[in-house]
């Protein structure tokens, strides 16, 4: 998982804030960057895949809606599916 320099700076700041506010510990920029790299490489694919699964579920739902809409405008014929 690749982040832009600006994204990394924002995430590193958030990691440092979490350590300060929740763990009452100070963490340097280098250590926060190292932690970010670890999570991006080791944990990131789980979040990425979950996002894909969620997107696929939304698409499935939308396709069902489109199929229903098509069936609603279907003209009657002697042919039965």
PDB file of N, CA and C in Angstrom:
ATOM      1  N   UNK A   1       0.853  -1.161   0.000  1.00  0.00           N
ATOM      2  CA  UNK A   1       0.000   0.000   0.000  1.00  0.00           C
ATOM      3  C   UNK A   1       0.902   1.228   0.000  1.00  0.00           C
ATOM      4  N   UNK A   2       0.672   2.100  -0.944  1.00  0.00           N
ATOM      5  CA  UNK A   2       1.516   3.293  -1.087  1.00  0.00           C
ATOM      6  C   UNK A   2       0.704   4.540  -0.757  1.00  0.00           C
ATOM      7  N   UNK A   3       1.313   5.415   0.028  1.00  0.00           N
ATOM      8  CA  UNK A   3       0.708   6.696   0.373  1.00  0.00           C
ATOM      9  C   UNK A   3       1.586   7.811  -0.162  1.00  0.00           C
ATOM     10  N   UNK A   4       0.969   8.922  -0.507  1.00  0.00           N
ATOM     11  CA  UNK A   4       1.742  10.090  -0.917  1.00  0.00           C
ATOM     12  C   UNK A   4       2.481  10.641   0.305  1.00  0.00           C
ATOM     13  N   UNK A   5       3.432  11.521   0.051  1.00  0.00           N
ATOM     14  CA  UNK A   5       4.201  12.130   1.146  1.00  0.00           C
ATOM     15  C   UNK A   5       3.261  12.877   2.089  1.00  0.00           C
ATOM     16  N   UNK A   6       2.316  13.614   1.526  1.00  0.00           N
ATOM     17  CA  UNK A   6       1.376  14.374   2.350  1.00  0.00           C
ATOM     18  C   UNK A   6       0.494  13.436   3.185  1.00  0.00           C
ATOM     19  N   UNK A   7       0.025  12.340   2.579  1.00  0.00           N
ATOM     20  CA  UNK A   7      -0.784  11.371   3.331  1.00  0.00           C
ATOM     21  C   UNK A   7       0.020  10.784   4.487  1.00  0.00           C
ATOM     22  N   UNK A   8       1.276  10.425   4.205  1.00  0.00           N
ATOM     23  CA  UNK A   8       2.135   9.873   5.251  1.00  0.00           C
ATOM     24  C   UNK A   8       2.308  10.846   6.410  1.00  0.00           C
ATOM     25  N   UNK A   9       2.525  12.112   6.084  1.00  0.00           N
ATOM     26  CA  UNK A   9       2.701  13.121   7.140  1.00  0.00           C
ATOM     27  C   UNK A   9       1.454  13.215   8.014  1.00  0.00           C
ATOM     28  N   UNK A  10       0.291  13.193   7.401  1.00  0.00           N
ATOM     29  CA  UNK A  10      -0.965  13.269   8.152  1.00  0.00           C
ATOM     30  C   UNK A  10      -1.134  12.032   9.029  1.00  0.00           C
ATOM     31  N   UNK A  11      -0.873  10.852   8.465  1.00  0.00           N
ATOM     32  CA  UNK A  11      -1.051   9.604   9.219  1.00  0.00           C
ATOM     33  C   UNK A  11      -0.053   9.519  10.369  1.00  0.00           C
ATOM     34  N   UNK A  12       1.198   9.892  10.112  1.00  0.00           N
ATOM     35  CA  UNK A  12       2.217   9.880  11.165  1.00  0.00           C
ATOM     36  C   UNK A  12       1.797  10.798  12.308  1.00  0.00           C
ATOM     37  N   UNK A  13       1.276  11.973  11.975  1.00  0.00           N
ATOM     38  CA  UNK A  13       0.794  12.897  13.007  1.00  0.00           C
ATOM     39  C   UNK A  13      -0.341  12.265  13.813  1.00  0.00           C
ATOM     40  N   UNK A  14      -1.228  11.552  13.140  1.00  0.00           N
ATOM     41  CA  UNK A  14      -2.342  10.887  13.828  1.00  0.00           C
ATOM     42  C   UNK A  14      -1.832   9.769  14.753  1.00  0.00           C
ATOM     43  N   UNK A  15      -0.834   9.022  14.300  1.00  0.00           N
ATOM     44  CA  UNK A  15      -0.241   7.979  15.138  1.00  0.00           C
ATOM     45  C   UNK A  15       0.388   8.604  16.384  1.00  0.00           C
ATOM     46  N   UNK A  16       1.136   9.663  16.178  1.00  0.00           N
ATOM     47  CA  UNK A  16       1.764  10.344  17.316  1.00  0.00           C
ATOM     48  C   UNK A  16       0.699  10.865  18.280  1.00  0.00           C
ATOM     49  N   UNK A  17      -0.381  11.423  17.758  1.00  0.00           N
ATOM     50  CA  UNK A  17      -1.471  11.908  18.607  1.00  0.00           C
ATOM     51  C   UNK A  17      -2.140  10.789  19.378  1.00  0.00           C
ATOM     52  N   UNK A  18      -2.304   9.646  18.733  1.00  0.00           N
ATOM     53  CA  UNK A  18      -2.912   8.501  19.416  1.00  0.00           C
ATOM     54  C   UNK A  18      -2.036   8.049  20.586  1.00  0.00           C
ATOM     55  N   UNK A  19      -0.757   7.908  20.331  1.00  0.00           N
ATOM     56  CA  UNK A  19       0.158   7.493  21.398  1.00  0.00           C
ATOM     57  C   UNK A  19       0.139   8.490  22.556  1.00  0.00           C
ATOM     58  N   UNK A  20       0.116   9.775  22.229  1.00  0.00           N
ATOM     59  CA  UNK A  20       0.108  10.825  23.244  1.00  0.00           C
ATOM     60  C   UNK A  20      -1.208  10.808  24.034  1.00  0.00           C
ATOM     61  N   UNK A  21      -2.336  10.790  23.326  1.00  0.00           N
ATOM     62  CA  UNK A  21      -3.641  10.948  23.974  1.00  0.00           C
ATOM     63  C   UNK A  21      -4.162   9.671  24.635  1.00  0.00           C
ATOM     64  N   UNK A  22      -3.945   8.543  23.993  1.00  0.00           N
ATOM     65  CA  UNK A  22      -4.528   7.292  24.486  1.00  0.00           C
ATOM     66  C   UNK A  22      -3.568   6.465  25.333  1.00  0.00           C
ATOM     67  N   UNK A  23      -2.281   6.543  25.018  1.00  0.00           N
ATOM     68  CA  UNK A  23      -1.302   5.710  25.715  1.00  0.00           C
ATOM     69  C   UNK A  23      -0.400   6.514  26.641  1.00  0.00           C
ATOM     70  N   UNK A  24      -0.577   7.824  26.619  1.00  0.00           N
ATOM     71  CA  UNK A  24       0.234   8.728  27.433  1.00  0.00           C
ATOM     72  C   UNK A  24       1.729   8.474  27.215  1.00  0.00           C
ATOM     73  N   UNK A  25       2.089   8.289  25.932  1.00  0.00           N
ATOM     74  CA  UNK A  25       3.478   8.052  25.554  1.00  0.00           C
ATOM     75  C   UNK A  25       3.831   8.943  24.379  1.00  0.00           C
ATOM     76  N   UNK A  26       5.101   9.250  24.293  1.00  0.00           N
ATOM     77  CA  UNK A  26       5.595  10.037  23.174  1.00  0.00           C
ATOM     78  C   UNK A  26       6.237   9.095  22.169  1.00  0.00           C
ATOM     79  N   UNK A  27       5.962   9.309  20.901  1.00  0.00           N
ATOM     80  CA  UNK A  27       6.573   8.495  19.850  1.00  0.00           C
ATOM     81  C   UNK A  27       7.111   9.464  18.800  1.00  0.00           C
ATOM     82  N   UNK A  28       8.328   9.231  18.395  1.00  0.00           N
ATOM     83  CA  UNK A  28       8.958  10.108  17.411  1.00  0.00           C
ATOM     84  C   UNK A  28       8.428   9.867  16.013  1.00  0.00           C
ATOM     85  N   UNK A  29       8.750  10.778  15.141  1.00  0.00           N
ATOM     86  CA  UNK A  29       8.296  10.700  13.758  1.00  0.00           C
ATOM     87  C   UNK A  29       8.820   9.435  13.067  1.00  0.00           C
ATOM     88  N   UNK A  30      10.086   9.100  13.307  1.00  0.00           N
ATOM     89  CA  UNK A  30      10.674   7.908  12.691  1.00  0.00           C
ATOM     90  C   UNK A  30       9.946   6.649  13.145  1.00  0.00           C
ATOM     91  N   UNK A  31       9.710   6.528  14.448  1.00  0.00           N
ATOM     92  CA  UNK A  31       9.010   5.348  14.969  1.00  0.00           C
ATOM     93  C   UNK A  31       7.574   5.281  14.462  1.00  0.00           C
ATOM     94  N   UNK A  32       6.910   6.422  14.374  1.00  0.00           N
ATOM     95  CA  UNK A  32       5.541   6.450  13.857  1.00  0.00           C
ATOM     96  C   UNK A  32       5.523   6.045  12.387  1.00  0.00           C
ATOM     97  N   UNK A  33       6.519   6.495  11.625  1.00  0.00           N
ATOM     98  CA  UNK A  33       6.638   6.108  10.218  1.00  0.00           C
ATOM     99  C   UNK A  33       6.871   4.604  10.097  1.00  0.00           C
ATOM    100  N   UNK A  34       7.733   4.063  10.932  1.00  0.00           N
ATOM    101  CA  UNK A  34       8.014   2.626  10.939  1.00  0.00           C
ATOM    102  C   UNK A  34       6.740   1.840  11.242  1.00  0.00           C
ATOM    103  N   UNK A  35       5.968   2.311  12.226  1.00  0.00           N
ATOM    104  CA  UNK A  35       4.702   1.659  12.577  1.00  0.00           C
ATOM    105  C   UNK A  35       3.715   1.740  11.415  1.00  0.00           C
ATOM    106  N   UNK A  36       3.651   2.891  10.759  1.00  0.00           N
ATOM    107  CA  UNK A  36       2.784   3.047   9.592  1.00  0.00           C
ATOM    108  C   UNK A  36       3.177   2.059   8.498  1.00  0.00           C
ATOM    109  N   UNK A  37       4.458   1.962   8.212  1.00  0.00           N
ATOM    110  CA  UNK A  37       4.929   1.036   7.187  1.00  0.00           C
ATOM    111  C   UNK A  37       4.557  -0.404   7.530  1.00  0.00           C
ATOM    112  N   UNK A  38       4.702  -0.770   8.801  1.00  0.00           N
ATOM    113  CA  UNK A  38       4.342  -2.118   9.239  1.00  0.00           C
ATOM    114  C   UNK A  38       2.864  -2.381   8.999  1.00  0.00           C
ATOM    115  N   UNK A  39       2.013  -1.466   9.468  1.00  0.00           N
ATOM    116  CA  UNK A  39       0.574  -1.664   9.314  1.00  0.00           C
ATOM    117  C   UNK A  39       0.164  -1.653   7.845  1.00  0.00           C
ATOM    118  N   UNK A  40       0.765  -0.775   7.053  1.00  0.00           N
ATOM    119  CA  UNK A  40       0.428  -0.709   5.631  1.00  0.00           C
ATOM    120  C   UNK A  40       0.770  -2.026   4.938  1.00  0.00           C
ATOM    121  N   UNK A  41       1.908  -2.595   5.288  1.00  0.00           N
ATOM    122  CA  UNK A  41       2.347  -3.831   4.635  1.00  0.00           C
ATOM    123  C   UNK A  41       1.646  -5.070   5.179  1.00  0.00           C
ATOM    124  N   UNK A  42       1.505  -5.151   6.484  1.00  0.00           N
ATOM    125  CA  UNK A  42       0.996  -6.371   7.100  1.00  0.00           C
ATOM    126  C   UNK A  42      -0.522  -6.379   7.337  1.00  0.00           C
ATOM    127  N   UNK A  43      -1.085  -5.238   7.657  1.00  0.00           N
ATOM    128  CA  UNK A  43      -2.501  -5.157   8.007  1.00  0.00           C
ATOM    129  C   UNK A  43      -3.309  -4.516   6.873  1.00  0.00           C
ATOM    130  N   UNK A  44      -2.685  -3.630   6.123  1.00  0.00           N
ATOM    131  CA  UNK A  44      -3.365  -2.909   5.045  1.00  0.00           C
ATOM    132  C   UNK A  44      -4.122  -3.795   4.070  1.00  0.00           C
ATOM    133  N   UNK A  45      -3.555  -4.930   3.635  1.00  0.00           N
ATOM    134  CA  UNK A  45      -4.283  -5.770   2.689  1.00  0.00           C
ATOM    135  C   UNK A  45      -5.632  -6.267   3.222  1.00  0.00           C
ATOM    136  N   UNK A  46      -5.746  -6.446   4.530  1.00  0.00           N
ATOM    137  CA  UNK A  46      -7.032  -6.862   5.098  1.00  0.00           C
ATOM    138  C   UNK A  46      -8.077  -5.758   4.930  1.00  0.00           C
ATOM    139  N   UNK A  47      -7.674  -4.509   5.193  1.00  0.00           N
ATOM    140  CA  UNK A  47      -8.578  -3.381   5.015  1.00  0.00           C
ATOM    141  C   UNK A  47      -8.910  -3.185   3.533  1.00  0.00           C
ATOM    142  N   UNK A  48      -7.904  -3.323   2.691  1.00  0.00           N
ATOM    143  CA  UNK A  48      -8.098  -3.175   1.251  1.00  0.00           C
ATOM    144  C   UNK A  48      -9.096  -4.205   0.730  1.00  0.00           C
ATOM    145  N   UNK A  49      -8.883  -5.459   1.102  1.00  0.00           N
ATOM    146  CA  UNK A  49      -9.785  -6.520   0.656  1.00  0.00           C
ATOM    147  C   UNK A  49     -11.196  -6.316   1.191  1.00  0.00           C
ATOM    148  N   UNK A  50     -11.322  -5.865   2.428  1.00  0.00           N
ATOM    149  CA  UNK A  50     -12.648  -5.608   2.998  1.00  0.00           C
ATOM    150  C   UNK A  50     -13.344  -4.519   2.187  1.00  0.00           C
ATOM    151  N   UNK A  51     -12.603  -3.496   1.785  1.00  0.00           N
ATOM    152  CA  UNK A  51     -13.161  -2.447   0.944  1.00  0.00           C
ATOM    153  C   UNK A  51     -13.643  -2.986  -0.393  1.00  0.00           C
ATOM    154  N   UNK A  52     -12.863  -3.905  -0.978  1.00  0.00           N
ATOM    155  CA  UNK A  52     -13.282  -4.532  -2.229  1.00  0.00           C
ATOM    156  C   UNK A  52     -14.560  -5.337  -2.041  1.00  0.00           C
ATOM    157  N   UNK A  53     -14.627  -6.125  -0.954  1.00  0.00           N
ATOM    158  CA  UNK A  53     -15.824  -6.931  -0.690  1.00  0.00           C
ATOM    159  C   UNK A  53     -17.040  -6.036  -0.497  1.00  0.00           C
ATOM    160  N   UNK A  54     -16.870  -4.944   0.235  1.00  0.00           N
ATOM    161  CA  UNK A  54     -17.970  -4.010   0.465  1.00  0.00           C
ATOM    162  C   UNK A  54     -18.408  -3.361  -0.845  1.00  0.00           C
ATOM    163  N   UNK A  55     -17.454  -2.983  -1.689  1.00  0.00           N
ATOM    164  CA  UNK A  55     -17.789  -2.382  -2.978  1.00  0.00           C
ATOM    165  C   UNK A  55     -18.526  -3.385  -3.865  1.00  0.00           C
ATOM    166  N   UNK A  56     -18.082  -4.634  -3.850  1.00  0.00           N
ATOM    167  CA  UNK A  56     -18.752  -5.670  -4.642  1.00  0.00           C
ATOM    168  C   UNK A  56     -20.182  -5.882  -4.155  1.00  0.00           C
ATOM    169  N   UNK A  57     -20.399  -5.832  -2.856  1.00  0.00           N
ATOM    170  CA  UNK A  57     -21.749  -6.001  -2.303  1.00  0.00           C
ATOM    171  C   UNK A  57     -22.653  -4.852  -2.751  1.00  0.00           C
ATOM    172  N   UNK A  58     -22.132  -3.633  -2.760  1.00  0.00           N
ATOM    173  CA  UNK A  58     -22.911  -2.480  -3.218  1.00  0.00           C
ATOM    174  C   UNK A  58     -23.256  -2.640  -4.695  1.00  0.00           C
ATOM    175  N   UNK A  59     -22.278  -3.063  -5.492  1.00  0.00           N
ATOM    176  CA  UNK A  59     -22.534  -3.268  -6.919  1.00  0.00           C
ATOM    177  C   UNK A  59     -23.581  -4.356  -7.140  1.00  0.00           C
ATOM    178  N   UNK A  60     -23.494  -5.449  -6.390  1.00  0.00           N
ATOM    179  CA  UNK A  60     -24.495  -6.522  -6.497  1.00  0.00           C
ATOM    180  C   UNK A  60     -25.890  -5.994  -6.192  1.00  0.00           C
ATOM    181  N   UNK A  61     -25.984  -5.192  -5.152  1.00  0.00           N
ATOM    182  CA  UNK A  61     -27.265  -4.616  -4.757  1.00  0.00           C
ATOM    183  C   UNK A  61     -27.805  -3.701  -5.859  1.00  0.00           C
ATOM    184  N   UNK A  62     -26.935  -2.879  -6.420  1.00  0.00           N
ATOM    185  CA  UNK A  62     -27.347  -1.973  -7.502  1.00  0.00           C
ATOM    186  C   UNK A  62     -27.753  -2.756  -8.744  1.00  0.00           C
ATOM    187  N   UNK A  63     -27.026  -3.817  -9.060  1.00  0.00           N
ATOM    188  CA  UNK A  63     -27.369  -4.630 -10.228  1.00  0.00           C
ATOM    189  C   UNK A  63     -28.738  -5.290 -10.042  1.00  0.00           C
ATOM    190  N   UNK A  64     -29.029  -5.744  -8.826  1.00  0.00           N
ATOM    191  CA  UNK A  64     -30.349  -6.310  -8.549  1.00  0.00           C
ATOM    192  C   UNK A  64     -31.429  -5.263  -8.781  1.00  0.00           C
ATOM    193  N   UNK A  65     -31.161  -4.037  -8.348  1.00  0.00           N
ATOM    194  CA  UNK A  65     -32.111  -2.937  -8.530  1.00  0.00           C
ATOM    195  C   UNK A  65     -32.316  -2.641 -10.018  1.00  0.00           C
ATOM    196  N   UNK A  66     -31.234  -2.645 -10.784  1.00  0.00           N
ATOM    197  CA  UNK A  66     -31.324  -2.397 -12.227  1.00  0.00           C
ATOM    198  C   UNK A  66     -32.092  -3.520 -12.907  1.00  0.00           C
ATOM    199  N   UNK A  67     -31.806  -4.755 -12.527  1.00  0.00           N
ATOM    200  CA  UNK A  67     -32.520  -5.895 -13.099  1.00  0.00           C
ATOM    201  C   UNK A  67     -34.010  -5.796 -12.813  1.00  0.00           C
ATOM    202  N   UNK A  68     -34.367  -5.443 -11.586  1.00  0.00           N
ATOM    203  CA  UNK A  68     -35.776  -5.267 -11.233  1.00  0.00           C
ATOM    204  C   UNK A  68     -36.414  -4.171 -12.082  1.00  0.00           C
ATOM    205  N   UNK A  69     -35.707  -3.072 -12.289  1.00  0.00           N
ATOM    206  CA  UNK A  69     -36.231  -1.966 -13.093  1.00  0.00           C
ATOM    207  C   UNK A  69     -36.448  -2.395 -14.543  1.00  0.00           C
ATOM    208  N   UNK A  70     -35.541  -3.192 -15.066  1.00  0.00           N
ATOM    209  CA  UNK A  70     -35.680  -3.687 -16.442  1.00  0.00           C
ATOM    210  C   UNK A  70     -36.892  -4.611 -16.543  1.00  0.00           C
ATOM    211  N   UNK A  71     -37.070  -5.482 -15.588  1.00  0.00           N
ATOM    212  CA  UNK A  71     -38.213  -6.400 -15.597  1.00  0.00           C
ATOM    213  C   UNK A  71     -39.520  -5.620 -15.526  1.00  0.00           C
ATOM    214  N   UNK A  72     -39.533  -4.528 -14.778  1.00  0.00           N
ATOM    215  CA  UNK A  72     -40.743  -3.715 -14.649  1.00  0.00           C
ATOM    216  C   UNK A  72     -41.172  -3.094 -15.977  1.00  0.00           C
ATOM    217  N   UNK A  73     -40.222  -2.760 -16.842  1.00  0.00           N
ATOM    218  CA  UNK A  73     -40.581  -2.121 -18.111  1.00  0.00           C
ATOM    219  C   UNK A  73     -40.670  -3.125 -19.259  1.00  0.00           C
ATOM    220  N   UNK A  74     -40.475  -4.386 -18.944  1.00  0.00           N
ATOM    221  CA  UNK A  74     -40.550  -5.421 -19.972  1.00  0.00           C
ATOM    222  C   UNK A  74     -41.974  -5.483 -20.523  1.00  0.00           C
ATOM    223  N   UNK A  75     -42.087  -5.595 -21.834  1.00  0.00           N
ATOM    224  CA  UNK A  75     -43.383  -5.691 -22.498  1.00  0.00           C
ATOM    225  C   UNK A  75     -43.850  -7.142 -22.503  1.00  0.00           C
ATOM    226  N   UNK A  76     -45.138  -7.352 -22.299  1.00  0.00           N
ATOM    227  CA  UNK A  76     -45.645  -8.731 -22.285  1.00  0.00           C
ATOM    228  C   UNK A  76     -45.570  -9.354 -23.687  1.00  0.00           C
ATOM    229  N   UNK A  77     -45.179 -10.623 -23.711  1.00  0.00           N
ATOM    230  CA  UNK A  77     -45.141 -11.396 -24.956  1.00  0.00           C
ATOM    231  C   UNK A  77     -45.631 -12.810 -24.657  1.00  0.00           C
ATOM    232  N   UNK A  78     -45.749 -13.588 -25.684  1.00  0.00           N
ATOM    233  CA  UNK A  78     -46.151 -14.993 -25.489  1.00  0.00           C
ATOM    234  C   UNK A  78     -44.994 -15.825 -24.942  1.00  0.00           C
ATOM    235  N   UNK A  79     -43.763 -15.315 -25.081  1.00  0.00           N
ATOM    236  CA  UNK A  79     -42.586 -16.013 -24.584  1.00  0.00           C
ATOM    237  C   UNK A  79     -42.501 -15.840 -23.065  1.00  0.00           C
ATOM    238  N   UNK A  80     -42.304 -16.955 -22.373  1.00  0.00           N
ATOM    239  CA  UNK A  80     -42.180 -16.921 -20.913  1.00  0.00           C
ATOM    240  C   UNK A  80     -40.799 -17.424 -20.564  1.00  0.00           C
ATOM    241  N   UNK A  81     -40.093 -16.649 -19.717  1.00  0.00           N
ATOM    242  CA  UNK A  81     -38.781 -17.109 -19.287  1.00  0.00           C
ATOM    243  C   UNK A  81     -38.893 -17.970 -18.073  1.00  0.00           C
TER     244      UNK A  81
END
